[in-house]
Amino acid sequence: YYEDSVKGRFTISRDNAANTVYLQMTSLQPEDTAVYYCAQRARTTW
Protein backbone atom coordinates (compact mmCIF):
# COMPACT_ATOMS: atom_id res chain seq x y z
CA TYR A 1 0.00 0.00 0.00
CA TYR A 2 1.29 3.46 -0.84
CA GLU A 3 0.51 7.08 -0.17
CA ASP A 4 -0.56 8.69 -3.44
CA SER A 5 2.42 11.02 -3.80
CA VAL A 6 4.95 8.16 -3.71
CA LYS A 7 3.15 5.68 -5.94
CA GLY A 8 5.35 4.73 -8.87
CA ARG A 9 8.45 6.16 -7.15
CA PHE A 10 8.76 4.17 -3.90
CA THR A 11 8.70 0.41 -3.45
CA ILE A 12 8.28 -1.38 -0.15
CA SER A 13 9.53 -4.93 0.19
CA ARG A 14 10.57 -7.36 2.87
CA ASP A 15 12.96 -10.24 3.42
CA ASN A 16 11.43 -12.26 6.20
CA ALA A 17 14.41 -14.58 6.41
CA ALA A 18 16.50 -11.53 7.27
CA ASN A 19 13.81 -9.87 9.43
CA THR A 20 14.22 -6.74 7.32
CA VAL A 21 11.89 -4.39 5.48
CA TYR A 22 13.07 -2.06 2.75
CA LEU A 23 11.89 1.14 1.14
CA GLN A 24 13.40 1.78 -2.26
CA MET A 25 12.95 5.45 -3.14
CA THR A 26 13.53 6.81 -6.63
CA SER A 27 12.93 10.16 -8.34
CA LEU A 28 13.30 11.86 -4.99
CA GLN A 29 11.96 15.39 -4.63
CA PRO A 30 12.65 18.09 -2.04
CA GLU A 31 9.19 17.48 -0.57
CA ASP A 32 10.32 13.95 0.32
CA THR A 33 12.71 15.45 2.87
CA ALA A 34 11.77 14.07 6.29
CA VAL A 35 12.71 11.67 9.03
CA TYR A 36 11.57 8.22 7.92
CA TYR A 37 10.33 5.71 10.48
CA CYS A 38 9.51 2.06 10.16
CA ALA A 39 6.80 0.52 12.28
CA GLN A 40 5.48 -2.93 13.12
CA ARG A 41 2.07 -4.04 14.24
CA ALA A 42 2.00 -6.09 17.46
CA ARG A 43 -0.83 -8.37 16.37
CA THR A 44 -1.12 -10.62 13.34
CA THR A 45 -4.54 -9.26 12.38
CA TRP A 46 -4.86 -6.06 10.37
All heavy atoms as atom14 arrays in JSON, in Angstrom:
{
  "sequence": "YYEDSVKGRFTISRDNAANTVYLQMTSLQPEDTAVYYCAQRARTTW",
  "atom14_mask": [
    [1, 1, 1, 1, 1, 1, 1, 1, 1, 1, 1, 1, 0, 0],
    [1, 1, 1, 1, 1, 1, 1, 1, 1, 1, 1, 1, 0, 0],
    [1, 1, 1, 1, 1, 1, 1, 1, 1, 0, 0, 0, 0, 0],
    [1, 1, 1, 1, 1, 1, 1, 1, 0, 0, 0, 0, 0, 0],
    [1, 1, 1, 1, 1, 1, 0, 0, 0, 0, 0, 0, 0, 0],
    [1, 1, 1, 1, 1, 1, 1, 0, 0, 0, 0, 0, 0, 0],
    [1, 1, 1, 1, 1, 1, 1, 1, 1, 0, 0, 0, 0, 0],
    [1, 1, 1, 1, 0, 0, 0, 0, 0, 0, 0, 0, 0, 0],
    [1, 1, 1, 1, 1, 1, 1, 1, 1, 1, 1, 0, 0, 0],
    [1, 1, 1, 1, 1, 1, 1, 1, 1, 1, 1, 0, 0, 0],
    [1, 1, 1, 1, 1, 1, 1, 0, 0, 0, 0, 0, 0, 0],
    [1, 1, 1, 1, 1, 1, 1, 1, 0, 0, 0, 0, 0, 0],
    [1, 1, 1, 1, 1, 1, 0, 0, 0, 0, 0, 0, 0, 0],
    [1, 1, 1, 1, 1, 1, 1, 1, 1, 1, 1, 0, 0, 0],
    [1, 1, 1, 1, 1, 1, 1, 1, 0, 0, 0, 0, 0, 0],
    [1, 1, 1, 1, 1, 1, 1, 1, 0, 0, 0, 0, 0, 0],
    [1, 1, 1, 1, 1, 0, 0, 0, 0, 0, 0, 0, 0, 0],
    [1, 1, 1, 1, 1, 0, 0, 0, 0, 0, 0, 0, 0, 0],
    [1, 1, 1, 1, 1, 1, 1, 1, 0, 0, 0, 0, 0, 0],
    [1, 1, 1, 1, 1, 1, 1, 0, 0, 0, 0, 0, 0, 0],
    [1, 1, 1, 1, 1, 1, 1, 0, 0, 0, 0, 0, 0, 0],
    [1, 1, 1, 1, 1, 1, 1, 1, 1, 1, 1, 1, 0, 0],
    [1, 1, 1, 1, 1, 1, 1, 1, 0, 0, 0, 0, 0, 0],
    [1, 1, 1, 1, 1, 1, 1, 1, 1, 0, 0, 0, 0, 0],
    [1, 1, 1, 1, 1, 1, 1, 1, 0, 0, 0, 0, 0, 0],
    [1, 1, 1, 1, 1, 1, 1, 0, 0, 0, 0, 0, 0, 0],
    [1, 1, 1, 1, 1, 1, 0, 0, 0, 0, 0, 0, 0, 0],
    [1, 1, 1, 1, 1, 1, 1, 1, 0, 0, 0, 0, 0, 0],
    [1, 1, 1, 1, 1, 1, 1, 1, 1, 0, 0, 0, 0, 0],
    [1, 1, 1, 1, 1, 1, 1, 0, 0, 0, 0, 0, 0, 0],
    [1, 1, 1, 1, 1, 1, 1, 1, 1, 0, 0, 0, 0, 0],
    [1, 1, 1, 1, 1, 1, 1, 1, 0, 0, 0, 0, 0, 0],
    [1, 1, 1, 1, 1, 1, 1, 0, 0, 0, 0, 0, 0, 0],
    [1, 1, 1, 1, 1, 0, 0, 0, 0, 0, 0, 0, 0, 0],
    [1, 1, 1, 1, 1, 1, 1, 0, 0, 0, 0, 0, 0, 0],
    [1, 1, 1, 1, 1, 1, 1, 1, 1, 1, 1, 1, 0, 0],
    [1, 1, 1, 1, 1, 1, 1, 1, 1, 1, 1, 1, 0, 0],
    [1, 1, 1, 1, 1, 1, 0, 0, 0, 0, 0, 0, 0, 0],
    [1, 1, 1, 1, 1, 0, 0, 0, 0, 0, 0, 0, 0, 0],
    [1, 1, 1, 1, 1, 1, 1, 1, 1, 0, 0, 0, 0, 0],
    [1, 1, 1, 1, 1, 1, 1, 1, 1, 1, 1, 0, 0, 0],
    [1, 1, 1, 1, 1, 0, 0, 0, 0, 0, 0, 0, 0, 0],
    [1, 1, 1, 1, 1, 1, 1, 1, 1, 1, 1, 0, 0, 0],
    [1, 1, 1, 1, 1, 1, 1, 0, 0, 0, 0, 0, 0, 0],
    [1, 1, 1, 1, 1, 1, 1, 0, 0, 0, 0, 0, 0, 0],
    [1, 1, 1, 1, 1, 1, 1, 1, 1, 1, 1, 1, 1, 1]
  ],
  "atom14_positions": [
    [[0.85, -1.17, 0.0], [0.0, 0.0, 0.0], [0.9, 1.23, 0.0], [1.93, 1.24, 0.66], [-0.89, 0.0, 1.25], [-1.68, -1.27, 1.4], [-1.15, -2.36, 2.07], [-2.95, -1.39, 0.86], [-1.86, -3.54, 2.2], [-3.67, -2.57, 0.98], [-3.11, -3.64, 1.65], [-3.82, -4.81, 1.77], [0.0, 0.0, 0.0], [0.0, 0.0, 0.0]],
    [[0.46, 2.27, -0.71], [1.29, 3.46, -0.84], [0.46, 4.73, -0.7], [-0.71, 4.79, -1.12], [1.98, 3.49, -2.2], [2.95, 2.36, -2.41], [2.55, 1.19, -3.05], [4.26, 2.46, -1.96], [3.43, 0.14, -3.24], [5.15, 1.41, -2.15], [4.73, 0.27, -2.79], [5.61, -0.78, -2.98], [0.0, 0.0, 0.0], [0.0, 0.0, 0.0]],
    [[1.08, 5.74, -0.15], [0.51, 7.08, -0.17], [0.56, 7.57, -1.62], [1.5, 7.25, -2.36], [1.31, 7.98, 0.77], [0.67, 9.3, 1.07], [1.11, 10.39, 0.14], [2.24, 10.32, -0.35], [0.3, 11.31, -0.11], [0.0, 0.0, 0.0], [0.0, 0.0, 0.0], [0.0, 0.0, 0.0], [0.0, 0.0, 0.0], [0.0, 0.0, 0.0]],
    [[-0.43, 8.33, -2.02], [-0.56, 8.69, -3.44], [0.69, 9.37, -4.01], [1.07, 9.11, -5.16], [-1.77, 9.59, -3.64], [-3.08, 8.83, -3.56], [-3.06, 7.59, -3.62], [-4.13, 9.5, -3.42], [0.0, 0.0, 0.0], [0.0, 0.0, 0.0], [0.0, 0.0, 0.0], [0.0, 0.0, 0.0], [0.0, 0.0, 0.0], [0.0, 0.0, 0.0]],
    [[1.31, 10.24, -3.24], [2.42, 11.02, -3.8], [3.69, 10.19, -4.05], [4.59, 10.65, -4.75], [2.76, 12.2, -2.88], [3.37, 11.75, -1.68], [0.0, 0.0, 0.0], [0.0, 0.0, 0.0], [0.0, 0.0, 0.0], [0.0, 0.0, 0.0], [0.0, 0.0, 0.0], [0.0, 0.0, 0.0], [0.0, 0.0, 0.0], [0.0, 0.0, 0.0]],
    [[3.75, 8.99, -3.51], [4.95, 8.16, -3.71], [4.7, 6.98, -4.64], [5.64, 6.26, -4.99], [5.52, 7.66, -2.37], [5.72, 8.82, -1.39], [4.67, 6.57, -1.75], [0.0, 0.0, 0.0], [0.0, 0.0, 0.0], [0.0, 0.0, 0.0], [0.0, 0.0, 0.0], [0.0, 0.0, 0.0], [0.0, 0.0, 0.0], [0.0, 0.0, 0.0]],
    [[3.46, 6.79, -5.04], [3.15, 5.68, -5.94], [3.96, 5.81, -7.23], [4.03, 6.89, -7.83], [1.66, 5.66, -6.27], [0.8, 5.11, -5.16], [-0.67, 5.13, -5.55], [-1.55, 4.61, -4.42], [-2.99, 4.7, -4.75], [0.0, 0.0, 0.0], [0.0, 0.0, 0.0], [0.0, 0.0, 0.0], [0.0, 0.0, 0.0], [0.0, 0.0, 0.0]],
    [[4.54, 4.72, -7.66], [5.35, 4.73, -8.87], [6.79, 5.17, -8.64], [7.64, 5.03, -9.52], [0.0, 0.0, 0.0], [0.0, 0.0, 0.0], [0.0, 0.0, 0.0], [0.0, 0.0, 0.0], [0.0, 0.0, 0.0], [0.0, 0.0, 0.0], [0.0, 0.0, 0.0], [0.0, 0.0, 0.0], [0.0, 0.0, 0.0], [0.0, 0.0, 0.0]],
    [[7.08, 5.72, -7.46], [8.45, 6.16, -7.15], [9.08, 5.33, -6.03], [10.28, 5.08, -6.04], [8.46, 7.64, -6.73], [7.93, 8.58, -7.78], [8.19, 10.03, -7.39], [7.54, 10.41, -6.15], [8.17, 10.91, -5.09], [9.49, 11.08, -5.11], [7.49, 11.26, -4.0], [0.0, 0.0, 0.0], [0.0, 0.0, 0.0], [0.0, 0.0, 0.0]],
    [[8.28, 4.94, -5.05], [8.76, 4.17, -3.9], [8.26, 2.74, -3.99], [7.16, 2.49, -4.47], [8.26, 4.78, -2.59], [8.83, 6.13, -2.23], [9.6, 6.87, -3.13], [8.6, 6.66, -0.97], [10.11, 8.1, -2.8], [9.12, 7.9, -0.62], [9.87, 8.62, -1.54], [0.0, 0.0, 0.0], [0.0, 0.0, 0.0], [0.0, 0.0, 0.0]],
    [[9.08, 1.82, -3.5], [8.7, 0.41, -3.45], [9.05, -0.16, -2.09], [10.2, -0.08, -1.66], [9.42, -0.4, -4.53], [9.13, 0.15, -5.82], [8.96, -1.86, -4.49], [0.0, 0.0, 0.0], [0.0, 0.0, 0.0], [0.0, 0.0, 0.0], [0.0, 0.0, 0.0], [0.0, 0.0, 0.0], [0.0, 0.0, 0.0], [0.0, 0.0, 0.0]],
    [[8.04, -0.72, -1.43], [8.28, -1.38, -0.15], [8.42, -2.87, -0.39], [7.72, -3.45, -1.23], [7.15, -1.08, 0.86], [7.5, -1.62, 2.25], [5.81, -1.61, 0.38], [6.52, -1.16, 3.35], [0.0, 0.0, 0.0], [0.0, 0.0, 0.0], [0.0, 0.0, 0.0], [0.0, 0.0, 0.0], [0.0, 0.0, 0.0], [0.0, 0.0, 0.0]],
    [[9.34, -3.5, 0.32], [9.53, -4.93, 0.19], [10.04, -5.47, 1.52], [10.39, -4.7, 2.41], [10.52, -5.26, -0.94], [11.8, -4.69, -0.67], [0.0, 0.0, 0.0], [0.0, 0.0, 0.0], [0.0, 0.0, 0.0], [0.0, 0.0, 0.0], [0.0, 0.0, 0.0], [0.0, 0.0, 0.0], [0.0, 0.0, 0.0], [0.0, 0.0, 0.0]],
    [[10.08, -6.78, 1.64], [10.57, -7.36, 2.87], [11.28, -8.67, 2.6], [10.93, -9.38, 1.65], [9.43, -7.55, 3.87], [8.36, -8.54, 3.48], [7.15, -8.42, 4.41], [7.5, -8.71, 5.8], [6.73, -8.38, 6.83], [5.58, -7.73, 6.63], [7.11, -8.67, 8.06], [0.0, 0.0, 0.0], [0.0, 0.0, 0.0], [0.0, 0.0, 0.0]],
    [[12.25, -8.97, 3.43], [12.96, -10.24, 3.42], [12.74, -10.85, 4.79], [13.43, -10.5, 5.76], [14.44, -10.0, 3.14], [15.25, -11.28, 3.09], [14.72, -12.33, 3.51], [16.4, -11.22, 2.65], [0.0, 0.0, 0.0], [0.0, 0.0, 0.0], [0.0, 0.0, 0.0], [0.0, 0.0, 0.0], [0.0, 0.0, 0.0], [0.0, 0.0, 0.0]],
    [[11.78, -11.72, 4.89], [11.43, -12.26, 6.2], [12.53, -13.15, 6.77], [12.68, -13.25, 7.98], [10.11, -13.02, 6.12], [8.91, -12.08, 6.07], [8.99, -10.93, 6.52], [7.8, -12.55, 5.53], [0.0, 0.0, 0.0], [0.0, 0.0, 0.0], [0.0, 0.0, 0.0], [0.0, 0.0, 0.0], [0.0, 0.0, 0.0], [0.0, 0.0, 0.0]],
    [[13.29, -13.76, 5.92], [14.41, -14.58, 6.41], [15.44, -13.71, 7.12], [16.11, -14.15, 8.05], [15.05, -15.33, 5.26], [0.0, 0.0, 0.0], [0.0, 0.0, 0.0], [0.0, 0.0, 0.0], [0.0, 0.0, 0.0], [0.0, 0.0, 0.0], [0.0, 0.0, 0.0], [0.0, 0.0, 0.0], [0.0, 0.0, 0.0], [0.0, 0.0, 0.0]],
    [[15.54, -12.46, 6.68], [16.5, -11.53, 7.27], [15.85, -10.59, 8.28], [16.53, -9.73, 8.84], [17.18, -10.72, 6.17], [0.0, 0.0, 0.0], [0.0, 0.0, 0.0], [0.0, 0.0, 0.0], [0.0, 0.0, 0.0], [0.0, 0.0, 0.0], [0.0, 0.0, 0.0], [0.0, 0.0, 0.0], [0.0, 0.0, 0.0], [0.0, 0.0, 0.0]],
    [[14.54, -10.75, 8.5], [13.81, -9.87, 9.43], [14.0, -8.4, 9.07], [14.21, -7.55, 9.94], [14.27, -10.11, 10.86], [13.27, -10.95, 11.66], [12.37, -11.55, 11.09], [13.45, -10.99, 12.96], [0.0, 0.0, 0.0], [0.0, 0.0, 0.0], [0.0, 0.0, 0.0], [0.0, 0.0, 0.0], [0.0, 0.0, 0.0], [0.0, 0.0, 0.0]],
    [[13.94, -8.1, 7.78], [14.22, -6.74, 7.32], [13.16, -6.29, 6.31], [12.72, -7.06, 5.47], [15.62, -6.68, 6.67], [16.6, -7.1, 7.62], [15.95, -5.27, 6.21], [0.0, 0.0, 0.0], [0.0, 0.0, 0.0], [0.0, 0.0, 0.0], [0.0, 0.0, 0.0], [0.0, 0.0, 0.0], [0.0, 0.0, 0.0], [0.0, 0.0, 0.0]],
    [[12.79, -5.03, 6.43], [11.89, -4.39, 5.48], [12.65, -3.26, 4.8], [13.47, -2.59, 5.44], [10.64, -3.84, 6.2], [9.76, -3.07, 5.24], [9.86, -4.98, 6.82], [0.0, 0.0, 0.0], [0.0, 0.0, 0.0], [0.0, 0.0, 0.0], [0.0, 0.0, 0.0], [0.0, 0.0, 0.0], [0.0, 0.0, 0.0], [0.0, 0.0, 0.0]],
    [[12.35, -3.06, 3.54], [13.07, -2.06, 2.75], [12.1, -1.03, 2.16], [10.92, -1.32, 1.95], [13.82, -2.73, 1.59], [14.77, -3.8, 2.03], [14.39, -5.14, 2.0], [16.04, -3.48, 2.47], [15.27, -6.13, 2.4], [16.93, -4.47, 2.88], [16.52, -5.79, 2.84], [17.39, -6.77, 3.25], [0.0, 0.0, 0.0], [0.0, 0.0, 0.0]],
    [[12.64, 0.13, 1.89], [11.89, 1.14, 1.14], [12.84, 1.69, 0.08], [13.76, 2.44, 0.39], [11.39, 2.27, 2.05], [10.5, 3.29, 1.35], [9.16, 2.65, 0.95], [10.24, 4.49, 2.26], [0.0, 0.0, 0.0], [0.0, 0.0, 0.0], [0.0, 0.0, 0.0], [0.0, 0.0, 0.0], [0.0, 0.0, 0.0], [0.0, 0.0, 0.0]],
    [[12.61, 1.27, -1.15], [13.4, 1.78, -2.26], [12.74, 3.06, -2.75], [11.57, 3.06, -3.12], [13.45, 0.75, -3.39], [14.21, 1.22, -4.62], [15.69, 1.38, -4.37], [16.34, 0.49, -3.83], [16.25, 2.52, -4.75], [0.0, 0.0, 0.0], [0.0, 0.0, 0.0], [0.0, 0.0, 0.0], [0.0, 0.0, 0.0], [0.0, 0.0, 0.0]],
    [[13.5, 4.14, -2.76], [12.95, 5.45, -3.14], [13.69, 5.96, -4.37], [14.93, 6.04, -4.36], [13.11, 6.44, -1.98], [12.51, 5.94, -0.68], [12.57, 7.17, 0.65], [14.33, 7.33, 0.88], [0.0, 0.0, 0.0], [0.0, 0.0, 0.0], [0.0, 0.0, 0.0], [0.0, 0.0, 0.0], [0.0, 0.0, 0.0], [0.0, 0.0, 0.0]],
    [[12.95, 6.27, -5.4], [13.53, 6.81, -6.63], [12.87, 8.14, -6.97], [11.84, 8.5, -6.39], [13.37, 5.83, -7.79], [11.97, 5.66, -8.05], [14.0, 4.49, -7.48], [0.0, 0.0, 0.0], [0.0, 0.0, 0.0], [0.0, 0.0, 0.0], [0.0, 0.0, 0.0], [0.0, 0.0, 0.0], [0.0, 0.0, 0.0], [0.0, 0.0, 0.0]],
    [[13.46, 8.86, -7.91], [12.93, 10.16, -8.34], [12.61, 11.04, -7.15], [11.55, 11.67, -7.07], [11.67, 9.96, -9.2], [11.97, 9.2, -10.35], [0.0, 0.0, 0.0], [0.0, 0.0, 0.0], [0.0, 0.0, 0.0], [0.0, 0.0, 0.0], [0.0, 0.0, 0.0], [0.0, 0.0, 0.0], [0.0, 0.0, 0.0], [0.0, 0.0, 0.0]],
    [[13.53, 11.1, -6.22], [13.3, 11.86, -4.99], [13.16, 13.34, -5.26], [13.84, 13.91, -6.13], [14.41, 11.59, -3.99], [14.3, 10.23, -3.28], [15.63, 9.82, -2.68], [13.22, 10.27, -2.23], [0.0, 0.0, 0.0], [0.0, 0.0, 0.0], [0.0, 0.0, 0.0], [0.0, 0.0, 0.0], [0.0, 0.0, 0.0], [0.0, 0.0, 0.0]],
    [[12.27, 13.97, -4.51], [11.96, 15.39, -4.63], [12.21, 16.08, -3.29], [12.18, 15.43, -2.24], [10.51, 15.57, -5.05], [10.14, 14.87, -6.35], [10.91, 15.41, -7.53], [11.05, 16.63, -7.7], [11.44, 14.51, -8.36], [0.0, 0.0, 0.0], [0.0, 0.0, 0.0], [0.0, 0.0, 0.0], [0.0, 0.0, 0.0], [0.0, 0.0, 0.0]],
    [[12.43, 17.38, -3.31], [12.65, 18.09, -2.04], [11.53, 17.87, -1.03], [11.79, 17.82, 0.18], [12.74, 19.55, -2.47], [13.28, 19.5, -3.86], [12.66, 18.27, -4.47], [0.0, 0.0, 0.0], [0.0, 0.0, 0.0], [0.0, 0.0, 0.0], [0.0, 0.0, 0.0], [0.0, 0.0, 0.0], [0.0, 0.0, 0.0], [0.0, 0.0, 0.0]],
    [[10.32, 17.7, -1.5], [9.19, 17.48, -0.57], [9.22, 16.11, 0.09], [8.43, 15.84, 0.98], [7.85, 17.69, -1.28], [7.68, 16.92, -2.56], [8.07, 17.73, -3.78], [9.02, 18.56, -3.7], [7.43, 17.54, -4.83], [0.0, 0.0, 0.0], [0.0, 0.0, 0.0], [0.0, 0.0, 0.0], [0.0, 0.0, 0.0], [0.0, 0.0, 0.0]],
    [[10.14, 15.24, -0.34], [10.32, 13.95, 0.32], [11.24, 14.07, 1.53], [11.42, 13.09, 2.27], [10.91, 12.93, -0.65], [9.97, 12.59, -1.79], [8.77, 12.39, -1.53], [10.45, 12.53, -2.94], [0.0, 0.0, 0.0], [0.0, 0.0, 0.0], [0.0, 0.0, 0.0], [0.0, 0.0, 0.0], [0.0, 0.0, 0.0], [0.0, 0.0, 0.0]],
    [[11.82, 15.23, 1.73], [12.71, 15.45, 2.87], [11.95, 15.27, 4.18], [10.91, 15.9, 4.39], [13.32, 16.86, 2.81], [14.16, 16.95, 1.67], [14.13, 17.15, 4.07], [0.0, 0.0, 0.0], [0.0, 0.0, 0.0], [0.0, 0.0, 0.0], [0.0, 0.0, 0.0], [0.0, 0.0, 0.0], [0.0, 0.0, 0.0], [0.0, 0.0, 0.0]],
    [[12.44, 14.38, 5.02], [11.77, 14.07, 6.29], [12.6, 13.05, 7.05], [13.55, 12.48, 6.51], [10.38, 13.5, 6.03], [0.0, 0.0, 0.0], [0.0, 0.0, 0.0], [0.0, 0.0, 0.0], [0.0, 0.0, 0.0], [0.0, 0.0, 0.0], [0.0, 0.0, 0.0], [0.0, 0.0, 0.0], [0.0, 0.0, 0.0], [0.0, 0.0, 0.0]],
    [[12.21, 12.82, 8.28], [12.71, 11.67, 9.03], [11.77, 10.51, 8.71], [10.55, 10.64, 8.83], [12.75, 11.93, 10.54], [13.22, 10.68, 11.28], [13.66, 13.11, 10.85], [0.0, 0.0, 0.0], [0.0, 0.0, 0.0], [0.0, 0.0, 0.0], [0.0, 0.0, 0.0], [0.0, 0.0, 0.0], [0.0, 0.0, 0.0], [0.0, 0.0, 0.0]],
    [[12.35, 9.39, 8.3], [11.57, 8.22, 7.92], [11.62, 7.19, 9.04], [12.71, 6.85, 9.53], [12.09, 7.64, 6.62], [11.67, 8.43, 5.4], [12.2, 9.7, 5.16], [10.71, 7.95, 4.52], [11.8, 10.46, 4.07], [10.31, 8.68, 3.42], [10.86, 9.94, 3.2], [10.45, 10.67, 2.11], [0.0, 0.0, 0.0], [0.0, 0.0, 0.0]],
    [[10.45, 6.69, 9.4], [10.33, 5.71, 10.48], [9.71, 4.42, 9.96], [8.77, 4.45, 9.17], [9.41, 6.24, 11.57], [9.85, 7.51, 12.23], [9.49, 8.76, 11.73], [10.63, 7.47, 13.39], [9.89, 9.93, 12.34], [11.04, 8.64, 14.01], [10.67, 9.86, 13.48], [11.07, 11.03, 14.11], [0.0, 0.0, 0.0], [0.0, 0.0, 0.0]],
    [[10.22, 3.3, 10.44], [9.51, 2.06, 10.16], [8.73, 1.67, 11.41], [9.06, 2.08, 12.53], [10.45, 0.95, 9.72], [11.47, 0.22, 10.99], [0.0, 0.0, 0.0], [0.0, 0.0, 0.0], [0.0, 0.0, 0.0], [0.0, 0.0, 0.0], [0.0, 0.0, 0.0], [0.0, 0.0, 0.0], [0.0, 0.0, 0.0], [0.0, 0.0, 0.0]],
    [[7.69, 0.88, 11.19], [6.8, 0.52, 12.28], [6.29, -0.89, 12.06], [6.16, -1.36, 10.94], [5.63, 1.5, 12.34], [0.0, 0.0, 0.0], [0.0, 0.0, 0.0], [0.0, 0.0, 0.0], [0.0, 0.0, 0.0], [0.0, 0.0, 0.0], [0.0, 0.0, 0.0], [0.0, 0.0, 0.0], [0.0, 0.0, 0.0], [0.0, 0.0, 0.0]],
    [[5.97, -1.54, 13.17], [5.48, -2.93, 13.12], [4.24, -3.06, 14.0], [4.17, -2.49, 15.09], [6.55, -3.9, 13.62], [6.16, -5.36, 13.5], [7.25, -6.27, 14.04], [7.13, -6.83, 15.12], [8.32, -6.4, 13.3], [0.0, 0.0, 0.0], [0.0, 0.0, 0.0], [0.0, 0.0, 0.0], [0.0, 0.0, 0.0], [0.0, 0.0, 0.0]],
    [[3.29, -3.79, 13.47], [2.07, -4.04, 14.24], [2.34, -5.18, 15.22], [3.02, -6.15, 14.9], [0.95, -4.42, 13.28], [-0.37, -4.68, 13.94], [-1.52, -4.52, 12.99], [-2.76, -5.04, 13.52], [-3.51, -4.39, 14.41], [-3.13, -3.21, 14.85], [-4.63, -4.93, 14.83], [0.0, 0.0, 0.0], [0.0, 0.0, 0.0], [0.0, 0.0, 0.0]],
    [[1.78, -5.07, 16.43], [2.0, -6.09, 17.46], [1.21, -7.35, 17.2], [1.64, -8.45, 17.56], [1.66, -5.53, 18.84], [0.0, 0.0, 0.0], [0.0, 0.0, 0.0], [0.0, 0.0, 0.0], [0.0, 0.0, 0.0], [0.0, 0.0, 0.0], [0.0, 0.0, 0.0], [0.0, 0.0, 0.0], [0.0, 0.0, 0.0], [0.0, 0.0, 0.0]],
    [[0.03, -7.21, 16.59], [-0.83, -8.37, 16.37], [-0.77, -8.82, 14.92], [-0.42, -8.05, 14.03], [-2.26, -8.03, 16.77], [-2.45, -7.88, 18.27], [-3.8, -7.3, 18.61], [-3.84, -5.87, 18.32], [-4.93, -5.13, 18.49], [-6.05, -5.67, 18.89], [-4.89, -3.83, 18.22], [0.0, 0.0, 0.0], [0.0, 0.0, 0.0], [0.0, 0.0, 0.0]],
    [[-1.17, -10.07, 14.7], [-1.12, -10.62, 13.34], [-2.3, -10.18, 12.5], [-2.27, -10.27, 11.28], [-1.06, -12.15, 13.37], [-2.21, -12.63, 14.08], [0.19, -12.64, 14.07], [0.0, 0.0, 0.0], [0.0, 0.0, 0.0], [0.0, 0.0, 0.0], [0.0, 0.0, 0.0], [0.0, 0.0, 0.0], [0.0, 0.0, 0.0], [0.0, 0.0, 0.0]],
    [[-3.37, -9.71, 13.13], [-4.54, -9.26, 12.38], [-4.36, -7.8, 11.98], [-3.72, -7.02, 12.68], [-5.81, -9.4, 13.23], [-5.63, -8.66, 14.45], [-6.09, -10.85, 13.55], [0.0, 0.0, 0.0], [0.0, 0.0, 0.0], [0.0, 0.0, 0.0], [0.0, 0.0, 0.0], [0.0, 0.0, 0.0], [0.0, 0.0, 0.0], [0.0, 0.0, 0.0]],
    [[-4.96, -7.44, 10.85], [-4.86, -6.06, 10.37], [-5.91, -5.85, 9.29], [-6.48, -6.8, 8.75], [-3.48, -5.77, 9.81], [-3.01, -6.74, 8.76], [-2.39, -7.94, 8.99], [-3.16, -6.65, 7.35], [-2.13, -8.57, 7.8], [-2.59, -7.8, 6.78], [-3.72, -5.67, 6.51], [-2.57, -8.01, 5.4], [-3.68, -5.89, 5.14], [-3.12, -7.06, 4.59]]
  ]
}
